[in-house]
Amino acid sequence: QVRLVESGGGLVQAGQSLTLSCVISGRAIDTTTVGWFRGSQFRFVAHIKANGVDTTYADSVKGRFTISRDAAKNTVFLEMKKLKPEDTAVYFCNLGVFWGRGTQVTVSS
């Protein structure tokens, strides 16, 4: 059984930073793509491929967010800088058909 657990969300002011973590069990992250999505419509934010090198970002976060991973800890991170109020959402970690429960990020203006 694959399980994803997100953490690291919180309330910050615009311009500040947060780093989200997604701890994965049941599947090695160096064998698959892991992504971050946000909001009730599960909008794509970023993903990192099995090789740990290839990454893709939504246009709205390019240059501000960085996805990375620690294969030894089977954990994927989303470093978010220069946060904007429009980044406010629940952030979900995804692996194939599996999803975490999400972590809330709130950015005040």
PDB file of N, CA and C in Angstrom:
ATOM      1  N   GLN A   1       0.841  -1.184   0.000  1.00  0.00           N
ATOM      2  CA  GLN A   1       0.000   0.000   0.000  1.00  0.00           C
ATOM      3  C   GLN A   1       0.886   1.248   0.000  1.00  0.00           C
ATOM      4  N   VAL A   2       0.615   2.157  -0.926  1.00  0.00           N
ATOM      5  CA  VAL A   2       1.367   3.397  -1.005  1.00  0.00           C
ATOM      6  C   VAL A   2       0.695   4.442  -0.127  1.00  0.00           C
ATOM      7  N   ARG A   3       1.509   5.153   0.639  1.00  0.00           N
ATOM      8  CA  ARG A   3       0.978   6.202   1.523  1.00  0.00           C
ATOM      9  C   ARG A   3       1.826   7.449   1.377  1.00  0.00           C
ATOM     10  N   LEU A   4       1.166   8.591   1.289  1.00  0.00           N
ATOM     11  CA  LEU A   4       1.846   9.864   1.165  1.00  0.00           C
ATOM     12  C   LEU A   4       1.360  10.776   2.292  1.00  0.00           C
ATOM     13  N   VAL A   5       2.290  11.380   3.004  1.00  0.00           N
ATOM     14  CA  VAL A   5       1.941  12.256   4.116  1.00  0.00           C
ATOM     15  C   VAL A   5       2.653  13.592   3.937  1.00  0.00           C
ATOM     16  N   GLU A   6       1.860  14.641   3.750  1.00  0.00           N
ATOM     17  CA  GLU A   6       2.404  15.977   3.577  1.00  0.00           C
ATOM     18  C   GLU A   6       2.521  16.695   4.911  1.00  0.00           C
ATOM     19  N   SER A   7       3.455  17.625   4.977  1.00  0.00           N
ATOM     20  CA  SER A   7       3.592  18.483   6.144  1.00  0.00           C
ATOM     21  C   SER A   7       4.308  19.753   5.727  1.00  0.00           C
ATOM     22  N   GLY A   8       4.328  20.728   6.639  1.00  0.00           N
ATOM     23  CA  GLY A   8       5.078  21.942   6.391  1.00  0.00           C
ATOM     24  C   GLY A   8       4.245  23.157   6.045  1.00  0.00           C
ATOM     25  N   GLY A   9       2.941  22.963   5.888  1.00  0.00           N
ATOM     26  CA  GLY A   9       2.100  24.109   5.577  1.00  0.00           C
ATOM     27  C   GLY A   9       1.987  25.049   6.764  1.00  0.00           C
ATOM     28  N   GLY A  10       1.377  26.202   6.508  1.00  0.00           N
ATOM     29  CA  GLY A  10       1.200  27.160   7.580  1.00  0.00           C
ATOM     30  C   GLY A  10       0.717  28.493   7.060  1.00  0.00           C
ATOM     31  N   LEU A  11       0.716  29.474   7.957  1.00  0.00           N
ATOM     32  CA  LEU A  11       0.300  30.834   7.626  1.00  0.00           C
ATOM     33  C   LEU A  11       1.537  31.722   7.568  1.00  0.00           C
ATOM     34  N   VAL A  12       1.738  32.369   6.433  1.00  0.00           N
ATOM     35  CA  VAL A  12       2.871  33.262   6.261  1.00  0.00           C
ATOM     36  C   VAL A  12       2.406  34.550   5.593  1.00  0.00           C
ATOM     37  N   GLN A  13       3.263  35.554   5.634  1.00  0.00           N
ATOM     38  CA  GLN A  13       2.964  36.806   4.940  1.00  0.00           C
ATOM     39  C   GLN A  13       3.501  36.740   3.512  1.00  0.00           C
ATOM     40  N   ALA A  14       2.927  37.544   2.668  1.00  0.00           N
ATOM     41  CA  ALA A  14       3.403  37.607   1.291  1.00  0.00           C
ATOM     42  C   ALA A  14       4.893  37.938   1.273  1.00  0.00           C
ATOM     43  N   GLY A  15       5.610  37.246   0.395  1.00  0.00           N
ATOM     44  CA  GLY A  15       7.040  37.451   0.279  1.00  0.00           C
ATOM     45  C   GLY A  15       7.880  36.477   1.080  1.00  0.00           C
ATOM     46  N   GLN A  16       7.234  35.806   2.014  1.00  0.00           N
ATOM     47  CA  GLN A  16       7.966  34.840   2.835  1.00  0.00           C
ATOM     48  C   GLN A  16       8.050  33.485   2.152  1.00  0.00           C
ATOM     49  N   SER A  17       8.678  32.539   2.857  1.00  0.00           N
ATOM     50  CA  SER A  17       8.946  31.218   2.276  1.00  0.00           C
ATOM     51  C   SER A  17       8.395  30.112   3.161  1.00  0.00           C
ATOM     52  N   LEU A  18       8.134  28.971   2.548  1.00  0.00           N
ATOM     53  CA  LEU A  18       7.769  27.740   3.243  1.00  0.00           C
ATOM     54  C   LEU A  18       8.344  26.580   2.463  1.00  0.00           C
ATOM     55  N   THR A  19       8.638  25.498   3.171  1.00  0.00           N
ATOM     56  CA  THR A  19       9.040  24.263   2.503  1.00  0.00           C
ATOM     57  C   THR A  19       8.110  23.143   2.936  1.00  0.00           C
ATOM     58  N   LEU A  20       7.480  22.528   1.961  1.00  0.00           N
ATOM     59  CA  LEU A  20       6.598  21.400   2.204  1.00  0.00           C
ATOM     60  C   LEU A  20       7.372  20.089   2.049  1.00  0.00           C
ATOM     61  N   SER A  21       6.953  19.099   2.804  1.00  0.00           N
ATOM     62  CA  SER A  21       7.550  17.769   2.703  1.00  0.00           C
ATOM     63  C   SER A  21       6.465  16.752   2.414  1.00  0.00           C
ATOM     64  N   CYS A  22       6.834  15.725   1.671  1.00  0.00           N
ATOM     65  CA  CYS A  22       5.933  14.605   1.398  1.00  0.00           C
ATOM     66  C   CYS A  22       6.720  13.328   1.661  1.00  0.00           C
ATOM     67  N   VAL A  23       6.378  12.649   2.739  1.00  0.00           N
ATOM     68  CA  VAL A  23       7.019  11.379   3.066  1.00  0.00           C
ATOM     69  C   VAL A  23       6.202  10.258   2.449  1.00  0.00           C
ATOM     70  N   ILE A  24       6.878   9.411   1.690  1.00  0.00           N
ATOM     71  CA  ILE A  24       6.191   8.358   0.941  1.00  0.00           C
ATOM     72  C   ILE A  24       6.620   6.993   1.456  1.00  0.00           C
ATOM     73  N   SER A  25       5.660   6.123   1.616  1.00  0.00           N
ATOM     74  CA  SER A  25       5.959   4.740   1.986  1.00  0.00           C
ATOM     75  C   SER A  25       5.260   3.815   1.004  1.00  0.00           C
ATOM     76  N   GLY A  26       5.846   2.655   0.787  1.00  0.00           N
ATOM     77  CA  GLY A  26       5.243   1.669  -0.088  1.00  0.00           C
ATOM     78  C   GLY A  26       5.710   1.695  -1.521  1.00  0.00           C
ATOM     79  N   ARG A  27       6.492   2.712  -1.882  1.00  0.00           N
ATOM     80  CA  ARG A  27       7.013   2.817  -3.253  1.00  0.00           C
ATOM     81  C   ARG A  27       8.255   3.687  -3.204  1.00  0.00           C
ATOM     82  N   ALA A  28       9.325   3.230  -3.819  1.00  0.00           N
ATOM     83  CA  ALA A  28      10.556   4.017  -3.849  1.00  0.00           C
ATOM     84  C   ALA A  28      10.407   5.173  -4.840  1.00  0.00           C
ATOM     85  N   ILE A  29      10.751   6.366  -4.422  1.00  0.00           N
ATOM     86  CA  ILE A  29      10.527   7.542  -5.273  1.00  0.00           C
ATOM     87  C   ILE A  29      11.504   7.614  -6.434  1.00  0.00           C
ATOM     88  N   ASP A  30      12.568   6.803  -6.390  1.00  0.00           N
ATOM     89  CA  ASP A  30      13.491   6.812  -7.527  1.00  0.00           C
ATOM     90  C   ASP A  30      13.041   5.844  -8.626  1.00  0.00           C
ATOM     91  N   THR A  31      11.799   5.375  -8.533  1.00  0.00           N
ATOM     92  CA  THR A  31      11.240   4.527  -9.572  1.00  0.00           C
ATOM     93  C   THR A  31      10.056   5.172 -10.271  1.00  0.00           C
ATOM     94  N   THR A  32       9.709   6.410  -9.886  1.00  0.00           N
ATOM     95  CA  THR A  32       8.467   6.990 -10.396  1.00  0.00           C
ATOM     96  C   THR A  32       8.494   8.508 -10.300  1.00  0.00           C
ATOM     97  N   THR A  33       7.530   9.135 -10.941  1.00  0.00           N
ATOM     98  CA  THR A  33       7.355  10.579 -10.849  1.00  0.00           C
ATOM     99  C   THR A  33       6.486  10.928  -9.647  1.00  0.00           C
ATOM    100  N   VAL A  34       6.888  11.956  -8.922  1.00  0.00           N
ATOM    101  CA  VAL A  34       6.102  12.447  -7.795  1.00  0.00           C
ATOM    102  C   VAL A  34       5.793  13.916  -8.045  1.00  0.00           C
ATOM    103  N   GLY A  35       4.569  14.288  -7.789  1.00  0.00           N
ATOM    104  CA  GLY A  35       4.166  15.652  -8.073  1.00  0.00           C
ATOM    105  C   GLY A  35       3.479  16.335  -6.915  1.00  0.00           C
ATOM    106  N   TRP A  36       3.379  17.651  -7.028  1.00  0.00           N
ATOM    107  CA  TRP A  36       2.609  18.482  -6.105  1.00  0.00           C
ATOM    108  C   TRP A  36       1.484  19.151  -6.891  1.00  0.00           C
ATOM    109  N   PHE A  37       0.322  19.175  -6.278  1.00  0.00           N
ATOM    110  CA  PHE A  37      -0.851  19.815  -6.857  1.00  0.00           C
ATOM    111  C   PHE A  37      -1.476  20.672  -5.759  1.00  0.00           C
ATOM    112  N   ARG A  38      -2.357  21.592  -6.158  1.00  0.00           N
ATOM    113  CA  ARG A  38      -2.964  22.427  -5.137  1.00  0.00           C
ATOM    114  C   ARG A  38      -4.399  22.770  -5.467  1.00  0.00           C
ATOM    115  N   GLY A  39      -5.147  23.042  -4.424  1.00  0.00           N
ATOM    116  CA  GLY A  39      -6.509  23.514  -4.568  1.00  0.00           C
ATOM    117  C   GLY A  39      -7.536  22.427  -4.764  1.00  0.00           C
ATOM    118  N   SER A  40      -8.806  22.875  -4.718  1.00  0.00           N
ATOM    119  CA  SER A  40      -9.914  21.926  -4.857  1.00  0.00           C
ATOM    120  C   SER A  40      -9.967  21.303  -6.245  1.00  0.00           C
ATOM    121  N   GLN A  41      -9.354  21.963  -7.215  1.00  0.00           N
ATOM    122  CA  GLN A  41      -9.320  21.420  -8.570  1.00  0.00           C
ATOM    123  C   GLN A  41      -8.018  20.691  -8.875  1.00  0.00           C
ATOM    124  N   PHE A  42      -7.210  20.533  -7.860  1.00  0.00           N
ATOM    125  CA  PHE A  42      -5.956  19.790  -7.985  1.00  0.00           C
ATOM    126  C   PHE A  42      -5.126  20.307  -9.162  1.00  0.00           C
ATOM    127  N   ARG A  43      -4.846  21.557  -9.127  1.00  0.00           N
ATOM    128  CA  ARG A  43      -4.057  22.163 -10.197  1.00  0.00           C
ATOM    129  C   ARG A  43      -2.584  21.769 -10.048  1.00  0.00           C
ATOM    130  N   PHE A  44      -1.967  21.462 -11.158  1.00  0.00           N
ATOM    131  CA  PHE A  44      -0.569  21.041 -11.170  1.00  0.00           C
ATOM    132  C   PHE A  44       0.336  22.170 -10.689  1.00  0.00           C
ATOM    133  N   VAL A  45       1.290  21.809  -9.849  1.00  0.00           N
ATOM    134  CA  VAL A  45       2.289  22.771  -9.370  1.00  0.00           C
ATOM    135  C   VAL A  45       3.674  22.409  -9.897  1.00  0.00           C
ATOM    136  N   ALA A  46       4.091  21.173  -9.628  1.00  0.00           N
ATOM    137  CA  ALA A  46       5.434  20.743 -10.040  1.00  0.00           C
ATOM    138  C   ALA A  46       5.515  19.236  -9.940  1.00  0.00           C
ATOM    139  N   HIS A  47       6.455  18.666 -10.680  1.00  0.00           N
ATOM    140  CA  HIS A  47       6.764  17.252 -10.459  1.00  0.00           C
ATOM    141  C   HIS A  47       8.247  16.994 -10.689  1.00  0.00           C
ATOM    142  N   ILE A  48       8.678  15.873 -10.156  1.00  0.00           N
ATOM    143  CA  ILE A  48      10.061  15.454 -10.305  1.00  0.00           C
ATOM    144  C   ILE A  48      10.052  14.005 -10.771  1.00  0.00           C
ATOM    145  N   LYS A  49      10.841  13.713 -11.785  1.00  0.00           N
ATOM    146  CA  LYS A  49      10.815  12.381 -12.367  1.00  0.00           C
ATOM    147  C   LYS A  49      11.717  11.420 -11.596  1.00  0.00           C
ATOM    148  N   ALA A  50      11.635  10.151 -11.987  1.00  0.00           N
ATOM    149  CA  ALA A  50      12.337   9.092 -11.272  1.00  0.00           C
ATOM    150  C   ALA A  50      13.845   9.337 -11.210  1.00  0.00           C
ATOM    151  N   ASN A  51      14.393   9.986 -12.219  1.00  0.00           N
ATOM    152  CA  ASN A  51      15.844  10.201 -12.219  1.00  0.00           C
ATOM    153  C   ASN A  51      16.288  11.280 -11.231  1.00  0.00           C
ATOM    154  N   GLY A  52      15.309  11.984 -10.659  1.00  0.00           N
ATOM    155  CA  GLY A  52      15.624  13.003  -9.665  1.00  0.00           C
ATOM    156  C   GLY A  52      16.188  14.277 -10.242  1.00  0.00           C
ATOM    157  N   VAL A  53      16.274  14.326 -11.546  1.00  0.00           N
ATOM    158  CA  VAL A  53      16.882  15.484 -12.222  1.00  0.00           C
ATOM    159  C   VAL A  53      15.829  16.275 -13.004  1.00  0.00           C
ATOM    160  N   ASP A  54      15.016  15.574 -13.741  1.00  0.00           N
ATOM    161  CA  ASP A  54      14.013  16.230 -14.587  1.00  0.00           C
ATOM    162  C   ASP A  54      12.853  16.737 -13.747  1.00  0.00           C
ATOM    163  N   THR A  55      12.607  18.024 -13.851  1.00  0.00           N
ATOM    164  CA  THR A  55      11.518  18.650 -13.117  1.00  0.00           C
ATOM    165  C   THR A  55      10.683  19.513 -14.060  1.00  0.00           C
ATOM    166  N   THR A  56       9.442  19.705 -13.704  1.00  0.00           N
ATOM    167  CA  THR A  56       8.540  20.555 -14.467  1.00  0.00           C
ATOM    168  C   THR A  56       7.737  21.407 -13.493  1.00  0.00           C
ATOM    169  N   TYR A  57       7.462  22.642 -13.882  1.00  0.00           N
ATOM    170  CA  TYR A  57       6.735  23.570 -13.019  1.00  0.00           C
ATOM    171  C   TYR A  57       5.589  24.227 -13.774  1.00  0.00           C
ATOM    172  N   ALA A  58       4.553  24.545 -13.045  1.00  0.00           N
ATOM    173  CA  ALA A  58       3.500  25.389 -13.599  1.00  0.00           C
ATOM    174  C   ALA A  58       4.077  26.781 -13.827  1.00  0.00           C
ATOM    175  N   ASP A  59       3.594  27.465 -14.846  1.00  0.00           N
ATOM    176  CA  ASP A  59       4.104  28.803 -15.147  1.00  0.00           C
ATOM    177  C   ASP A  59       3.969  29.750 -13.957  1.00  0.00           C
ATOM    178  N   SER A  60       2.910  29.559 -13.196  1.00  0.00           N
ATOM    179  CA  SER A  60       2.619  30.471 -12.085  1.00  0.00           C
ATOM    180  C   SER A  60       3.633  30.375 -10.942  1.00  0.00           C
ATOM    181  N   VAL A  61       4.427  29.301 -10.912  1.00  0.00           N
ATOM    182  CA  VAL A  61       5.376  29.134  -9.805  1.00  0.00           C
ATOM    183  C   VAL A  61       6.823  29.085 -10.264  1.00  0.00           C
ATOM    184  N   LYS A  62       7.046  29.099 -11.561  1.00  0.00           N
ATOM    185  CA  LYS A  62       8.425  29.041 -12.078  1.00  0.00           C
ATOM    186  C   LYS A  62       9.266  30.176 -11.518  1.00  0.00           C
ATOM    187  N   GLY A  63      10.461  29.821 -11.086  1.00  0.00           N
ATOM    188  CA  GLY A  63      11.367  30.827 -10.539  1.00  0.00           C
ATOM    189  C   GLY A  63      11.159  31.101  -9.058  1.00  0.00           C
ATOM    190  N   ARG A  64      10.035  30.595  -8.499  1.00  0.00           N
ATOM    191  CA  ARG A  64       9.762  30.813  -7.070  1.00  0.00           C
ATOM    192  C   ARG A  64       9.752  29.499  -6.291  1.00  0.00           C
ATOM    193  N   PHE A  65       9.295  28.435  -6.922  1.00  0.00           N
ATOM    194  CA  PHE A  65       9.195  27.128  -6.256  1.00  0.00           C
ATOM    195  C   PHE A  65      10.268  26.200  -6.796  1.00  0.00           C
ATOM    196  N   THR A  66      10.756  25.330  -5.912  1.00  0.00           N
ATOM    197  CA  THR A  66      11.724  24.323  -6.310  1.00  0.00           C
ATOM    198  C   THR A  66      11.317  22.980  -5.723  1.00  0.00           C
ATOM    199  N   ILE A  67      11.203  21.976  -6.587  1.00  0.00           N
ATOM    200  CA  ILE A  67      10.908  20.619  -6.134  1.00  0.00           C
ATOM    201  C   ILE A  67      12.216  19.836  -6.071  1.00  0.00           C
ATOM    202  N   SER A  68      12.353  19.056  -5.020  1.00  0.00           N
ATOM    203  CA  SER A  68      13.561  18.253  -4.852  1.00  0.00           C
ATOM    204  C   SER A  68      13.189  17.004  -4.070  1.00  0.00           C
ATOM    205  N   ARG A  69      14.163  16.138  -3.891  1.00  0.00           N
ATOM    206  CA  ARG A  69      13.861  14.917  -3.151  1.00  0.00           C
ATOM    207  C   ARG A  69      15.086  14.424  -2.407  1.00  0.00           C
ATOM    208  N   ASP A  70      14.834  13.591  -1.412  1.00  0.00           N
ATOM    209  CA  ASP A  70      15.859  12.854  -0.689  1.00  0.00           C
ATOM    210  C   ASP A  70      15.474  11.386  -0.834  1.00  0.00           C
ATOM    211  N   ALA A  71      16.137  10.701  -1.762  1.00  0.00           N
ATOM    212  CA  ALA A  71      15.768   9.317  -2.038  1.00  0.00           C
ATOM    213  C   ALA A  71      16.006   8.416  -0.827  1.00  0.00           C
ATOM    214  N   ALA A  72      17.031   8.720  -0.045  1.00  0.00           N
ATOM    215  CA  ALA A  72      17.333   7.899   1.127  1.00  0.00           C
ATOM    216  C   ALA A  72      16.200   7.958   2.147  1.00  0.00           C
ATOM    217  N   LYS A  73      15.531   9.123   2.200  1.00  0.00           N
ATOM    218  CA  LYS A  73      14.412   9.297   3.137  1.00  0.00           C
ATOM    219  C   LYS A  73      13.067   9.107   2.447  1.00  0.00           C
ATOM    220  N   ASN A  74      13.111   8.803   1.144  1.00  0.00           N
ATOM    221  CA  ASN A  74      11.883   8.647   0.362  1.00  0.00           C
ATOM    222  C   ASN A  74      10.930   9.832   0.563  1.00  0.00           C
ATOM    223  N   THR A  75      11.503  10.999   0.472  1.00  0.00           N
ATOM    224  CA  THR A  75      10.770  12.242   0.751  1.00  0.00           C
ATOM    225  C   THR A  75      10.965  13.221  -0.402  1.00  0.00           C
ATOM    226  N   VAL A  76       9.889  13.874  -0.776  1.00  0.00           N
ATOM    227  CA  VAL A  76       9.923  14.912  -1.794  1.00  0.00           C
ATOM    228  C   VAL A  76       9.585  16.241  -1.128  1.00  0.00           C
ATOM    229  N   PHE A  77      10.291  17.284  -1.546  1.00  0.00           N
ATOM    230  CA  PHE A  77      10.122  18.609  -0.952  1.00  0.00           C
ATOM    231  C   PHE A  77       9.612  19.599  -1.999  1.00  0.00           C
ATOM    232  N   LEU A  78       8.942  20.618  -1.518  1.00  0.00           N
ATOM    233  CA  LEU A  78       8.572  21.744  -2.361  1.00  0.00           C
ATOM    234  C   LEU A  78       8.956  23.010  -1.610  1.00  0.00           C
ATOM    235  N   GLU A  79      10.036  23.623  -2.045  1.00  0.00           N
ATOM    236  CA  GLU A  79      10.476  24.873  -1.450  1.00  0.00           C
ATOM    237  C   GLU A  79       9.763  26.013  -2.165  1.00  0.00           C
ATOM    238  N   MET A  80       9.090  26.828  -1.399  1.00  0.00           N
ATOM    239  CA  MET A  80       8.285  27.908  -1.968  1.00  0.00           C
ATOM    240  C   MET A  80       8.802  29.243  -1.453  1.00  0.00           C
ATOM    241  N   LYS A  81       9.255  30.066  -2.360  1.00  0.00           N
ATOM    242  CA  LYS A  81       9.779  31.382  -2.008  1.00  0.00           C
ATOM    243  C   LYS A  81       8.883  32.477  -2.597  1.00  0.00           C
ATOM    244  N   LYS A  82       9.060  33.668  -2.080  1.00  0.00           N
ATOM    245  CA  LYS A  82       8.309  34.829  -2.587  1.00  0.00           C
ATOM    246  C   LYS A  82       6.825  34.497  -2.717  1.00  0.00           C
ATOM    247  N   LEU A  83       6.264  33.950  -1.667  1.00  0.00           N
ATOM    248  CA  LEU A  83       4.876  33.517  -1.699  1.00  0.00           C
ATOM    249  C   LEU A  83       3.929  34.692  -1.900  1.00  0.00           C
ATOM    250  N   LYS A  84       2.844  34.414  -2.615  1.00  0.00           N
ATOM    251  CA  LYS A  84       1.826  35.410  -2.934  1.00  0.00           C
ATOM    252  C   LYS A  84       0.488  34.951  -2.358  1.00  0.00           C
ATOM    253  N   PRO A  85      -0.421  35.862  -2.112  1.00  0.00           N
ATOM    254  CA  PRO A  85      -1.746  35.450  -1.616  1.00  0.00           C
ATOM    255  C   PRO A  85      -2.418  34.420  -2.526  1.00  0.00           C
ATOM    256  N   GLU A  86      -2.187  34.513  -3.812  1.00  0.00           N
ATOM    257  CA  GLU A  86      -2.798  33.566  -4.742  1.00  0.00           C
ATOM    258  C   GLU A  86      -2.195  32.166  -4.651  1.00  0.00           C
ATOM    259  N   ASP A  87      -1.133  31.999  -3.888  1.00  0.00           N
ATOM    260  CA  ASP A  87      -0.589  30.664  -3.632  1.00  0.00           C
ATOM    261  C   ASP A  87      -1.350  29.942  -2.526  1.00  0.00           C
ATOM    262  N   THR A  88      -2.247  30.651  -1.865  1.00  0.00           N
ATOM    263  CA  THR A  88      -3.043  30.049  -0.799  1.00  0.00           C
ATOM    264  C   THR A  88      -3.859  28.880  -1.333  1.00  0.00           C
ATOM    265  N   ALA A  89      -3.701  27.713  -0.704  1.00  0.00           N
ATOM    266  CA  ALA A  89      -4.407  26.505  -1.142  1.00  0.00           C
ATOM    267  C   ALA A  89      -4.000  25.348  -0.238  1.00  0.00           C
ATOM    268  N   VAL A  90      -4.721  24.253  -0.371  1.00  0.00           N
ATOM    269  CA  VAL A  90      -4.254  22.992   0.186  1.00  0.00           C
ATOM    270  C   VAL A  90      -3.335  22.363  -0.863  1.00  0.00           C
ATOM    271  N   TYR A  91      -2.157  21.952  -0.436  1.00  0.00           N
ATOM    272  CA  TYR A  91      -1.171  21.367  -1.334  1.00  0.00           C
ATOM    273  C   TYR A  91      -1.149  19.852  -1.135  1.00  0.00           C
ATOM    274  N   PHE A  92      -1.260  19.140  -2.247  1.00  0.00           N
ATOM    275  CA  PHE A  92      -1.330  17.684  -2.221  1.00  0.00           C
ATOM    276  C   PHE A  92      -0.125  17.082  -2.921  1.00  0.00           C
ATOM    277  N   CYS A  93       0.350  15.990  -2.370  1.00  0.00           N
ATOM    278  CA  CYS A  93       1.420  15.201  -2.972  1.00  0.00           C
ATOM    279  C   CYS A  93       0.770  14.047  -3.745  1.00  0.00           C
ATOM    280  N   ASN A  94       1.340  13.733  -4.903  1.00  0.00           N
ATOM    281  CA  ASN A  94       0.757  12.698  -5.762  1.00  0.00           C
ATOM    282  C   ASN A  94       1.800  11.745  -6.297  1.00  0.00           C
ATOM    283  N   LEU A  95       1.444  10.466  -6.307  1.00  0.00           N
ATOM    284  CA  LEU A  95       2.269   9.434  -6.932  1.00  0.00           C
ATOM    285  C   LEU A  95       1.299   8.498  -7.655  1.00  0.00           C
ATOM    286  N   GLY A  96       1.257   8.589  -8.973  1.00  0.00           N
ATOM    287  CA  GLY A  96       0.346   7.745  -9.742  1.00  0.00           C
ATOM    288  C   GLY A  96      -1.096   8.003  -9.354  1.00  0.00           C
ATOM    289  N   VAL A  97      -1.766   6.979  -8.878  1.00  0.00           N
ATOM    290  CA  VAL A  97      -3.161   7.119  -8.460  1.00  0.00           C
ATOM    291  C   VAL A  97      -3.287   7.424  -6.982  1.00  0.00           C
ATOM    292  N   PHE A  98      -2.176   7.598  -6.311  1.00  0.00           N
ATOM    293  CA  PHE A  98      -2.186   7.805  -4.865  1.00  0.00           C
ATOM    294  C   PHE A  98      -1.986   9.284  -4.519  1.00  0.00           C
ATOM    295  N   TRP A  99      -2.726   9.706  -3.499  1.00  0.00           N
ATOM    296  CA  TRP A  99      -2.691  11.098  -3.054  1.00  0.00           C
ATOM    297  C   TRP A  99      -2.559  11.155  -1.539  1.00  0.00           C
ATOM    298  N   GLY A 100      -1.876  12.217  -1.076  1.00  0.00           N
ATOM    299  CA  GLY A 100      -1.897  12.494   0.337  1.00  0.00           C
ATOM    300  C   GLY A 100      -3.146  13.266   0.708  1.00  0.00           C
ATOM    301  N   ARG A 101      -3.265  13.608   1.990  1.00  0.00           N
ATOM    302  CA  ARG A 101      -4.442  14.341   2.458  1.00  0.00           C
ATOM    303  C   ARG A 101      -4.272  15.843   2.326  1.00  0.00           C
ATOM    304  N   GLY A 102      -3.059  16.274   2.086  1.00  0.00           N
ATOM    305  CA  GLY A 102      -2.819  17.684   1.852  1.00  0.00           C
ATOM    306  C   GLY A 102      -2.352  18.439   3.079  1.00  0.00           C
ATOM    307  N   THR A 103      -1.748  19.598   2.815  1.00  0.00           N
ATOM    308  CA  THR A 103      -1.323  20.502   3.870  1.00  0.00           C
ATOM    309  C   THR A 103      -1.699  21.927   3.449  1.00  0.00           C
ATOM    310  N   GLN A 104      -2.269  22.670   4.377  1.00  0.00           N
ATOM    311  CA  GLN A 104      -2.798  23.999   4.062  1.00  0.00           C
ATOM    312  C   GLN A 104      -1.689  25.034   4.062  1.00  0.00           C
ATOM    313  N   VAL A 105      -1.654  25.820   3.006  1.00  0.00           N
ATOM    314  CA  VAL A 105      -0.761  26.973   2.920  1.00  0.00           C
ATOM    315  C   VAL A 105      -1.632  28.217   2.788  1.00  0.00           C
ATOM    316  N   THR A 106      -1.425  29.165   3.683  1.00  0.00           N
ATOM    317  CA  THR A 106      -2.169  30.412   3.643  1.00  0.00           C
ATOM    318  C   THR A 106      -1.186  31.568   3.615  1.00  0.00           C
ATOM    319  N   VAL A 107      -1.340  32.426   2.616  1.00  0.00           N
ATOM    320  CA  VAL A 107      -0.448  33.570   2.454  1.00  0.00           C
ATOM    321  C   VAL A 107      -1.272  34.842   2.602  1.00  0.00           C
ATOM    322  N   SER A 108      -0.933  35.610   3.609  1.00  0.00           N
ATOM    323  CA  SER A 108      -1.669  36.863   3.857  1.00  0.00           C
ATOM    324  C   SER A 108      -0.983  38.018   3.147  1.00  0.00           C
ATOM    325  N   SER A 109      -1.798  38.984   2.760  1.00  0.00           N
ATOM    326  CA  SER A 109      -1.242  40.138   2.022  1.00  0.00           C
ATOM    327  C   SER A 109      -0.818  41.244   2.976  1.00  0.00           C
TER     328      SER A 109
END
